[in-house]
């Protein structure tokens, strides 16, 4: 049963997740007040270069209302300008926004809270001569997915379960049928849409053979290292990029390389989500070989379209999180390190593992299941698939 919150004591404006994202993209100052508990805030909150965030729990505002201490409590909110109040679902924050408004402060509520933030999903087109390529961006987690459309056919790469209807609808809007759903590897940070797309929409699920060898328990079309998927007149060509996992595989379409969780715009993948400490070092060595050998013959002009981005990642002029491989090679020292230095550096910079990653992996393998609400809750949280930015 959902927790009930008191009605706001005054009318106040609301800010949608999309409106907040536009302000963040524009670099506008954003003054946030998060009224969730400290542990919830520290695990996951809205962030960005222009954000000033303060965490004060909801109960403090209830107490302040009783003791007439709202004005004093409001002095603890860092920053200047209007206050956007945030909670889990937009209910507790609505009360606080109304309370602040009632005391003369310029406050608004983030509609639907962090849950609404997690449901925000935007698309931007990546220029490509061979096909129409859309990059889907989920700002709450930094997850990126891709829709490739050509001559009436479409394929989605790294689909999220929470948005499967979006992919089929966007394909239909472009007079295409979504035929293939491809995962670059077995994901540990979000629930894949492969099974739901297959069951609900008749889409053919595909997975690299080395990823399927981890114990996939549902029917998939396995892709070897030289696989080529015909999407209309375009081709999705497999490019083995192991290191994040043994099965990590990129896909090339035209001069775009969908790199999944191997190399990002400003960092490289973490190697510890598939094995123990010894296996982590082996995967780190494999990732080094991916960067220095498997990608060695890929032209500098190739546009890298990764599987994740962080709050500090700069978008390209077209709104996508992409970069030329040559530019990435130039500014990422990982490409210049010797193997021993690389392995030591990457194994020392591994962040905390994604929340619930073991169960998410099991769901994506098909050895476990979860209803839609549970799946959505499991994957809430920050992007933790990269090591620290390697400047």
Foldseek 3Di string as FASTA:
>chain_A
DDDADDAAPADAAAAELVNVVVCQLVLHAAFEEEQDDPVVVVQFDDDFPRYDYDYHHLVVVVVCVVVVNLVVVVVRRDDDDEYEYAYQQFRSSNNNQSVCVVVPGRYYYHHGGVLSLQLDKDWFWDDFPQFTKIWIARQRAQFIKIWTADDQEIEIEQAAQLCLVVNQVVSVVVNHGYAEYEYQALDLQAAGNQVVCCVVPVHAYEYAPVRLVVAQDDDHHHAYQADWDDGHPWIWGWQDQFQLHNRRIWTDTHLEIEREQADFQFFGFQNPLPDDPVSSLVSLLSSLCSLAPSCVPRDQQRKYQYRGDASHQDADPSRGRIDGNVVSCVPACSNVDDSVVSSVVSVVQQDDGHAPRVVSSCCSSVVDHDDPVVSSVRNRGYHRGGGPGRD
